[in-house]
N, C-alpha and C. Protein backbone atom coordinates (compact mmCIF):
# COMPACT_ATOMS: atom_id res chain seq x y z
N MET A 1 -13.93 -13.20 -43.69
CA MET A 1 -13.82 -12.19 -42.67
C MET A 1 -12.95 -11.02 -43.15
N CYS A 2 -11.81 -11.34 -43.73
CA CYS A 2 -10.92 -10.28 -44.22
C CYS A 2 -11.60 -9.48 -45.32
N ARG A 3 -12.36 -10.14 -46.14
CA ARG A 3 -13.04 -9.46 -47.23
C ARG A 3 -14.02 -8.41 -46.71
N LEU A 4 -14.73 -8.75 -45.66
CA LEU A 4 -15.67 -7.82 -45.06
C LEU A 4 -14.95 -6.61 -44.48
N ILE A 5 -13.83 -6.85 -43.81
CA ILE A 5 -13.07 -5.76 -43.21
C ILE A 5 -12.50 -4.87 -44.32
N LEU A 6 -11.96 -5.47 -45.36
CA LEU A 6 -11.40 -4.70 -46.47
C LEU A 6 -12.48 -3.85 -47.13
N THR A 7 -13.65 -4.45 -47.37
CA THR A 7 -14.75 -3.72 -47.99
C THR A 7 -15.20 -2.57 -47.09
N ALA A 8 -15.32 -2.82 -45.82
CA ALA A 8 -15.73 -1.76 -44.89
C ALA A 8 -14.68 -0.66 -44.86
N GLY A 9 -13.41 -1.04 -44.89
CA GLY A 9 -12.34 -0.06 -44.91
C GLY A 9 -12.38 0.81 -46.16
N LEU A 10 -12.61 0.18 -47.30
CA LEU A 10 -12.71 0.94 -48.54
C LEU A 10 -13.90 1.88 -48.51
N CYS A 11 -15.01 1.40 -47.98
CA CYS A 11 -16.20 2.26 -47.87
C CYS A 11 -15.91 3.47 -46.99
N LEU A 12 -15.17 3.26 -45.91
CA LEU A 12 -14.82 4.36 -45.03
C LEU A 12 -13.92 5.37 -45.75
N ILE A 13 -12.95 4.87 -46.50
CA ILE A 13 -12.05 5.76 -47.25
C ILE A 13 -12.83 6.53 -48.28
N ILE A 14 -13.69 5.85 -49.03
CA ILE A 14 -14.49 6.52 -50.07
C ILE A 14 -15.41 7.56 -49.44
N ALA A 15 -16.05 7.21 -48.34
CA ALA A 15 -16.96 8.15 -47.68
C ALA A 15 -16.19 9.36 -47.16
N THR A 16 -14.99 9.14 -46.66
CA THR A 16 -14.18 10.25 -46.16
C THR A 16 -13.78 11.17 -47.30
N LEU A 17 -13.35 10.60 -48.42
CA LEU A 17 -12.97 11.41 -49.57
C LEU A 17 -14.18 12.16 -50.13
N ALA A 18 -15.30 11.50 -50.22
CA ALA A 18 -16.50 12.12 -50.77
C ALA A 18 -17.02 13.22 -49.86
N SER A 19 -16.87 13.06 -48.55
CA SER A 19 -17.41 14.07 -47.64
C SER A 19 -16.69 15.41 -47.80
N GLY A 20 -15.43 15.40 -48.21
CA GLY A 20 -14.72 16.66 -48.44
C GLY A 20 -15.38 17.46 -49.53
N ALA A 21 -15.70 16.82 -50.64
CA ALA A 21 -16.37 17.52 -51.74
C ALA A 21 -17.80 17.87 -51.36
N SER A 22 -18.48 16.97 -50.64
CA SER A 22 -19.88 17.24 -50.33
C SER A 22 -20.03 18.39 -49.32
N GLN A 23 -18.99 18.69 -48.59
CA GLN A 23 -19.02 19.78 -47.61
C GLN A 23 -18.56 21.10 -48.21
N PHE A 24 -18.08 21.10 -49.43
CA PHE A 24 -17.48 22.29 -50.05
C PHE A 24 -18.41 23.50 -50.03
N CYS A 25 -19.69 23.32 -50.31
CA CYS A 25 -20.60 24.45 -50.48
C CYS A 25 -21.23 24.97 -49.20
N ILE A 26 -20.97 24.33 -48.10
CA ILE A 26 -21.56 24.80 -46.84
C ILE A 26 -21.07 26.22 -46.57
N GLY A 27 -22.00 27.15 -46.44
CA GLY A 27 -21.69 28.54 -46.16
C GLY A 27 -21.33 29.37 -47.39
N LYS A 28 -21.34 28.76 -48.57
CA LYS A 28 -21.01 29.50 -49.80
C LYS A 28 -22.29 29.91 -50.52
N SER A 29 -22.19 30.98 -51.29
CA SER A 29 -23.31 31.44 -52.12
C SER A 29 -23.52 30.47 -53.27
N ASN A 30 -24.75 30.43 -53.79
CA ASN A 30 -25.03 29.62 -54.97
C ASN A 30 -24.16 30.09 -56.13
N GLY A 31 -23.66 29.15 -56.91
CA GLY A 31 -22.83 29.50 -58.06
C GLY A 31 -21.78 28.43 -58.32
N ASP A 32 -20.87 28.73 -59.22
CA ASP A 32 -19.82 27.80 -59.61
C ASP A 32 -18.49 28.23 -59.01
N TYR A 33 -17.68 27.23 -58.61
CA TYR A 33 -16.38 27.47 -57.99
C TYR A 33 -15.36 26.51 -58.58
N ALA A 34 -14.13 27.02 -58.76
CA ALA A 34 -13.05 26.19 -59.28
C ALA A 34 -12.74 25.05 -58.31
N ASN A 35 -12.39 23.90 -58.87
CA ASN A 35 -11.91 22.77 -58.09
C ASN A 35 -10.39 22.80 -58.17
N VAL A 36 -9.73 23.25 -57.12
CA VAL A 36 -8.28 23.42 -57.15
C VAL A 36 -7.55 22.09 -57.31
N ASN A 37 -8.21 20.98 -57.00
CA ASN A 37 -7.60 19.66 -57.14
C ASN A 37 -7.72 19.09 -58.55
N ASN A 38 -8.62 19.66 -59.38
CA ASN A 38 -8.81 19.16 -60.73
C ASN A 38 -9.35 20.28 -61.61
N PRO A 39 -8.50 20.90 -62.43
CA PRO A 39 -8.95 22.03 -63.25
C PRO A 39 -9.97 21.64 -64.33
N ASN A 40 -10.12 20.33 -64.58
CA ASN A 40 -11.10 19.87 -65.57
C ASN A 40 -12.49 19.72 -64.98
N SER A 41 -12.65 20.07 -63.71
CA SER A 41 -13.97 20.00 -63.08
C SER A 41 -14.16 21.24 -62.21
N TYR A 42 -15.38 21.43 -61.75
CA TYR A 42 -15.71 22.55 -60.89
C TYR A 42 -16.88 22.17 -60.02
N TYR A 43 -17.11 22.97 -58.99
CA TYR A 43 -18.23 22.73 -58.08
C TYR A 43 -19.36 23.69 -58.41
N THR A 44 -20.58 23.19 -58.42
CA THR A 44 -21.77 24.03 -58.47
C THR A 44 -22.42 23.95 -57.10
N CYS A 45 -22.59 25.10 -56.47
CA CYS A 45 -23.23 25.17 -55.15
C CYS A 45 -24.66 25.65 -55.34
N SER A 46 -25.58 24.94 -54.74
CA SER A 46 -26.98 25.31 -54.82
C SER A 46 -27.66 24.90 -53.52
N GLY A 47 -28.13 25.89 -52.80
CA GLY A 47 -28.83 25.61 -51.55
C GLY A 47 -27.98 24.88 -50.53
N GLY A 48 -26.66 25.12 -50.53
CA GLY A 48 -25.76 24.45 -49.60
C GLY A 48 -25.32 23.07 -50.06
N LEU A 49 -25.86 22.58 -51.16
CA LEU A 49 -25.47 21.28 -51.69
C LEU A 49 -24.35 21.44 -52.70
N THR A 50 -23.49 20.44 -52.80
CA THR A 50 -22.34 20.47 -53.70
C THR A 50 -22.54 19.50 -54.85
N TYR A 51 -22.37 20.01 -56.07
CA TYR A 51 -22.43 19.18 -57.27
C TYR A 51 -21.10 19.31 -57.99
N VAL A 52 -20.43 18.18 -58.26
CA VAL A 52 -19.18 18.20 -59.01
C VAL A 52 -19.54 18.09 -60.48
N ARG A 53 -19.08 19.06 -61.27
CA ARG A 53 -19.38 19.10 -62.70
C ARG A 53 -18.08 18.97 -63.47
N SER A 54 -18.13 18.38 -64.64
CA SER A 54 -16.95 18.21 -65.47
C SER A 54 -17.00 19.12 -66.68
N CYS A 55 -15.85 19.63 -67.05
CA CYS A 55 -15.74 20.39 -68.29
C CYS A 55 -15.66 19.40 -69.45
N PRO A 56 -16.06 19.82 -70.65
CA PRO A 56 -15.88 18.95 -71.82
C PRO A 56 -14.39 18.60 -71.98
N SER A 57 -14.14 17.51 -72.63
CA SER A 57 -12.78 17.01 -72.83
C SER A 57 -11.86 18.09 -73.39
N GLY A 58 -10.72 18.26 -72.75
CA GLY A 58 -9.72 19.21 -73.21
C GLY A 58 -9.87 20.61 -72.66
N LEU A 59 -10.99 20.90 -71.97
CA LEU A 59 -11.22 22.24 -71.44
C LEU A 59 -10.96 22.26 -69.93
N ILE A 60 -10.67 23.44 -69.42
CA ILE A 60 -10.49 23.63 -67.98
C ILE A 60 -11.46 24.71 -67.50
N PHE A 61 -11.79 24.65 -66.22
CA PHE A 61 -12.70 25.65 -65.66
C PHE A 61 -11.91 26.89 -65.27
N ARG A 62 -12.41 28.05 -65.70
CA ARG A 62 -11.80 29.33 -65.34
C ARG A 62 -12.80 30.12 -64.49
N GLN A 63 -12.39 30.45 -63.29
CA GLN A 63 -13.25 31.22 -62.39
C GLN A 63 -13.50 32.61 -62.96
N SER A 64 -12.53 33.16 -63.69
CA SER A 64 -12.64 34.52 -64.20
C SER A 64 -13.81 34.71 -65.16
N CYS A 65 -14.15 33.67 -65.93
CA CYS A 65 -15.29 33.79 -66.85
C CYS A 65 -16.43 32.88 -66.42
N ASN A 66 -16.19 32.10 -65.36
CA ASN A 66 -17.17 31.14 -64.88
C ASN A 66 -17.59 30.21 -66.01
N CYS A 67 -16.58 29.67 -66.70
CA CYS A 67 -16.85 28.82 -67.87
C CYS A 67 -15.71 27.83 -68.06
N CYS A 68 -15.96 26.82 -68.87
CA CYS A 68 -14.93 25.91 -69.29
C CYS A 68 -14.31 26.49 -70.55
N ASP A 69 -12.99 26.52 -70.61
CA ASP A 69 -12.28 27.20 -71.69
C ASP A 69 -11.07 26.37 -72.08
N TRP A 70 -10.52 26.69 -73.25
CA TRP A 70 -9.30 26.02 -73.70
C TRP A 70 -8.14 26.46 -72.81
N PRO A 71 -7.25 25.56 -72.46
CA PRO A 71 -6.14 25.92 -71.56
C PRO A 71 -5.23 27.01 -72.10
N THR A 72 -5.10 27.14 -73.42
CA THR A 72 -4.18 28.13 -73.99
C THR A 72 -4.81 29.50 -74.17
N THR A 73 -6.12 29.62 -73.96
CA THR A 73 -6.80 30.89 -74.13
C THR A 73 -6.53 31.77 -72.93
N PRO A 74 -6.11 33.02 -73.15
CA PRO A 74 -5.91 33.91 -72.00
C PRO A 74 -7.23 34.18 -71.29
N SER A 75 -7.14 34.51 -70.05
CA SER A 75 -8.34 34.83 -69.28
C SER A 75 -9.09 35.97 -69.94
N PRO A 76 -10.43 35.89 -69.99
CA PRO A 76 -11.21 36.95 -70.63
C PRO A 76 -11.16 38.24 -69.83
N THR A 77 -11.56 39.31 -70.47
CA THR A 77 -11.57 40.61 -69.80
C THR A 77 -12.71 40.66 -68.80
N THR A 78 -12.74 41.70 -68.05
CA THR A 78 -13.75 41.82 -67.00
C THR A 78 -15.15 42.06 -67.55
N THR A 79 -15.30 42.23 -68.87
CA THR A 79 -16.64 42.43 -69.41
C THR A 79 -17.42 41.13 -69.51
N THR A 80 -16.75 39.98 -69.36
CA THR A 80 -17.44 38.70 -69.39
C THR A 80 -18.31 38.58 -68.15
N LYS A 81 -19.56 38.21 -68.35
CA LYS A 81 -20.48 38.12 -67.22
C LYS A 81 -20.48 36.71 -66.66
N ALA A 82 -20.63 36.61 -65.37
CA ALA A 82 -20.80 35.34 -64.71
C ALA A 82 -22.26 34.91 -64.90
N PRO A 83 -22.55 33.60 -64.75
CA PRO A 83 -23.94 33.18 -64.88
C PRO A 83 -24.78 33.81 -63.79
N THR A 84 -26.03 34.01 -64.09
CA THR A 84 -26.90 34.64 -63.12
C THR A 84 -28.11 33.75 -62.85
N LYS A 85 -28.48 33.68 -61.61
CA LYS A 85 -29.72 33.01 -61.25
C LYS A 85 -30.81 34.05 -61.41
N THR A 86 -31.85 33.68 -62.08
CA THR A 86 -32.92 34.66 -62.28
C THR A 86 -33.59 34.92 -60.93
N THR A 87 -33.93 36.17 -60.70
CA THR A 87 -34.49 36.52 -59.39
C THR A 87 -35.96 36.89 -59.45
N SER A 88 -36.45 37.27 -60.63
CA SER A 88 -37.87 37.60 -60.71
C SER A 88 -38.62 36.44 -61.35
N ALA A 89 -39.83 36.22 -60.89
CA ALA A 89 -40.61 35.13 -61.43
C ALA A 89 -40.91 35.41 -62.90
N GLY A 90 -40.76 34.43 -63.71
CA GLY A 90 -40.99 34.57 -65.14
C GLY A 90 -40.66 33.28 -65.84
N PRO A 91 -40.72 33.27 -67.17
CA PRO A 91 -40.48 32.03 -67.91
C PRO A 91 -39.12 31.42 -67.65
N ILE A 92 -38.06 32.25 -67.54
CA ILE A 92 -36.73 31.69 -67.31
C ILE A 92 -36.63 31.14 -65.90
N ASP A 93 -37.12 31.88 -64.92
CA ASP A 93 -37.05 31.45 -63.53
C ASP A 93 -37.79 30.14 -63.33
N GLN A 94 -38.84 29.91 -64.08
CA GLN A 94 -39.63 28.71 -63.94
C GLN A 94 -39.12 27.56 -64.81
N PHE A 95 -38.10 27.80 -65.62
CA PHE A 95 -37.62 26.80 -66.58
C PHE A 95 -37.27 25.48 -65.90
N CYS A 96 -36.59 25.51 -64.77
CA CYS A 96 -36.12 24.28 -64.12
C CYS A 96 -37.14 23.62 -63.21
N LYS A 97 -38.26 24.28 -63.03
CA LYS A 97 -39.29 23.71 -62.16
C LYS A 97 -39.74 22.36 -62.73
N GLY A 98 -39.57 21.31 -61.94
CA GLY A 98 -39.97 19.97 -62.35
C GLY A 98 -38.97 19.26 -63.25
N ARG A 99 -37.83 19.88 -63.53
CA ARG A 99 -36.81 19.25 -64.38
C ARG A 99 -35.70 18.65 -63.52
N LEU A 100 -35.05 17.64 -64.09
CA LEU A 100 -33.89 17.05 -63.44
C LEU A 100 -32.72 18.02 -63.48
N ASP A 101 -31.80 17.92 -62.53
CA ASP A 101 -30.58 18.72 -62.57
C ASP A 101 -29.84 18.42 -63.86
N GLY A 102 -29.28 19.44 -64.47
CA GLY A 102 -28.52 19.27 -65.70
C GLY A 102 -28.58 20.52 -66.55
N ASP A 103 -28.02 20.43 -67.74
CA ASP A 103 -27.95 21.56 -68.65
C ASP A 103 -28.93 21.36 -69.80
N TYR A 104 -29.55 22.46 -70.23
CA TYR A 104 -30.56 22.42 -71.29
C TYR A 104 -30.31 23.56 -72.27
N ALA A 105 -30.48 23.26 -73.55
CA ALA A 105 -30.28 24.28 -74.59
C ALA A 105 -31.28 25.41 -74.42
N ASN A 106 -30.84 26.62 -74.76
CA ASN A 106 -31.72 27.79 -74.78
C ASN A 106 -32.10 28.00 -76.24
N PRO A 107 -33.33 27.70 -76.63
CA PRO A 107 -33.71 27.80 -78.04
C PRO A 107 -33.66 29.24 -78.58
N LYS A 108 -33.67 30.22 -77.71
CA LYS A 108 -33.65 31.62 -78.16
C LYS A 108 -32.24 32.17 -78.35
N ASN A 109 -31.24 31.49 -77.81
CA ASN A 109 -29.86 31.96 -77.93
C ASN A 109 -28.92 30.76 -77.80
N PRO A 110 -28.40 30.24 -78.92
CA PRO A 110 -27.57 29.03 -78.87
C PRO A 110 -26.22 29.22 -78.16
N SER A 111 -25.81 30.46 -77.91
CA SER A 111 -24.54 30.66 -77.20
C SER A 111 -24.74 30.69 -75.69
N THR A 112 -25.98 30.43 -75.24
CA THR A 112 -26.26 30.31 -73.81
C THR A 112 -27.03 29.02 -73.58
N PHE A 113 -27.10 28.61 -72.33
CA PHE A 113 -27.87 27.44 -71.96
C PHE A 113 -28.34 27.59 -70.53
N TYR A 114 -29.36 26.82 -70.17
CA TYR A 114 -29.88 26.83 -68.81
C TYR A 114 -29.24 25.68 -68.04
N SER A 115 -28.80 25.97 -66.83
CA SER A 115 -28.27 24.96 -65.94
C SER A 115 -29.23 24.84 -64.78
N CYS A 116 -29.82 23.67 -64.62
CA CYS A 116 -30.78 23.43 -63.55
C CYS A 116 -30.08 22.73 -62.40
N SER A 117 -30.25 23.27 -61.21
CA SER A 117 -29.64 22.69 -60.03
C SER A 117 -30.56 22.90 -58.84
N ASN A 118 -31.06 21.80 -58.32
CA ASN A 118 -31.88 21.85 -57.11
C ASN A 118 -33.11 22.73 -57.31
N GLY A 119 -33.66 22.74 -58.54
CA GLY A 119 -34.85 23.53 -58.84
C GLY A 119 -34.57 24.97 -59.21
N PHE A 120 -33.32 25.42 -59.09
CA PHE A 120 -32.94 26.78 -59.45
C PHE A 120 -32.50 26.83 -60.90
N THR A 121 -32.76 27.94 -61.57
CA THR A 121 -32.39 28.14 -62.97
C THR A 121 -31.22 29.11 -63.05
N TYR A 122 -30.16 28.69 -63.74
CA TYR A 122 -29.00 29.55 -63.97
C TYR A 122 -28.83 29.70 -65.47
N LEU A 123 -28.65 30.92 -65.93
CA LEU A 123 -28.39 31.18 -67.34
C LEU A 123 -26.87 31.21 -67.51
N MET A 124 -26.34 30.30 -68.30
CA MET A 124 -24.90 30.17 -68.49
C MET A 124 -24.54 30.61 -69.90
N LYS A 125 -23.36 31.20 -70.05
CA LYS A 125 -22.89 31.64 -71.36
C LYS A 125 -21.73 30.78 -71.81
N CYS A 126 -21.75 30.41 -73.08
CA CYS A 126 -20.61 29.72 -73.67
C CYS A 126 -19.51 30.74 -73.92
N GLN A 127 -18.29 30.25 -74.05
CA GLN A 127 -17.17 31.10 -74.40
C GLN A 127 -17.43 31.70 -75.78
N THR A 128 -16.94 32.88 -76.05
CA THR A 128 -17.14 33.56 -77.32
C THR A 128 -16.80 32.64 -78.49
N GLY A 129 -17.73 32.57 -79.44
CA GLY A 129 -17.53 31.75 -80.62
C GLY A 129 -18.02 30.32 -80.50
N LEU A 130 -18.46 29.91 -79.31
CA LEU A 130 -18.95 28.55 -79.10
C LEU A 130 -20.46 28.58 -78.91
N VAL A 131 -21.10 27.46 -79.23
CA VAL A 131 -22.54 27.31 -79.01
C VAL A 131 -22.78 26.04 -78.19
N PHE A 132 -23.87 26.03 -77.44
CA PHE A 132 -24.18 24.88 -76.60
C PHE A 132 -24.75 23.75 -77.45
N SER A 133 -24.25 22.55 -77.20
CA SER A 133 -24.73 21.35 -77.87
C SER A 133 -25.30 20.40 -76.83
N GLN A 134 -26.59 20.09 -76.94
CA GLN A 134 -27.24 19.20 -75.99
C GLN A 134 -26.64 17.79 -76.07
N SER A 135 -26.21 17.36 -77.27
CA SER A 135 -25.72 16.00 -77.45
C SER A 135 -24.46 15.71 -76.65
N CYS A 136 -23.61 16.71 -76.45
CA CYS A 136 -22.40 16.48 -75.65
C CYS A 136 -22.46 17.19 -74.30
N ASP A 137 -23.54 17.95 -74.06
CA ASP A 137 -23.70 18.73 -72.84
C ASP A 137 -22.49 19.64 -72.67
N CYS A 138 -22.16 20.36 -73.76
CA CYS A 138 -20.98 21.21 -73.75
C CYS A 138 -21.11 22.33 -74.76
N CYS A 139 -20.24 23.31 -74.62
CA CYS A 139 -20.14 24.37 -75.61
C CYS A 139 -19.03 23.95 -76.57
N GLN A 140 -19.33 24.01 -77.85
CA GLN A 140 -18.32 23.59 -78.83
C GLN A 140 -18.32 24.53 -80.02
């Protein structure tokens, strides 16, 4: 009997904690947002849904460049572009159609990659000097 109550209690705690993150994107525009509780992760909002994403080991998410970066690197200048969701129908916009959510290498430019989320295609840029590696799902 106690085991059942303890398990139900843990489920309630876990569901309560998870609901905070799952509610994060309600009313927000599609895109990436810093996770103030964990700089090694960030939220991707797509269609009102929340996806928690992790930066590669040792990197932190910087809202200023919309990228995972080394903690000692100063924030980039304002010329750094944020990722963009393609808006016109074309090969890039259709890239994520039928694909699972996740990141995919861009064969035409190794310093960028496609991030698929909820059927939407986002073109992401690696930090200057880094290239996307499919094997680690990171820019290195």
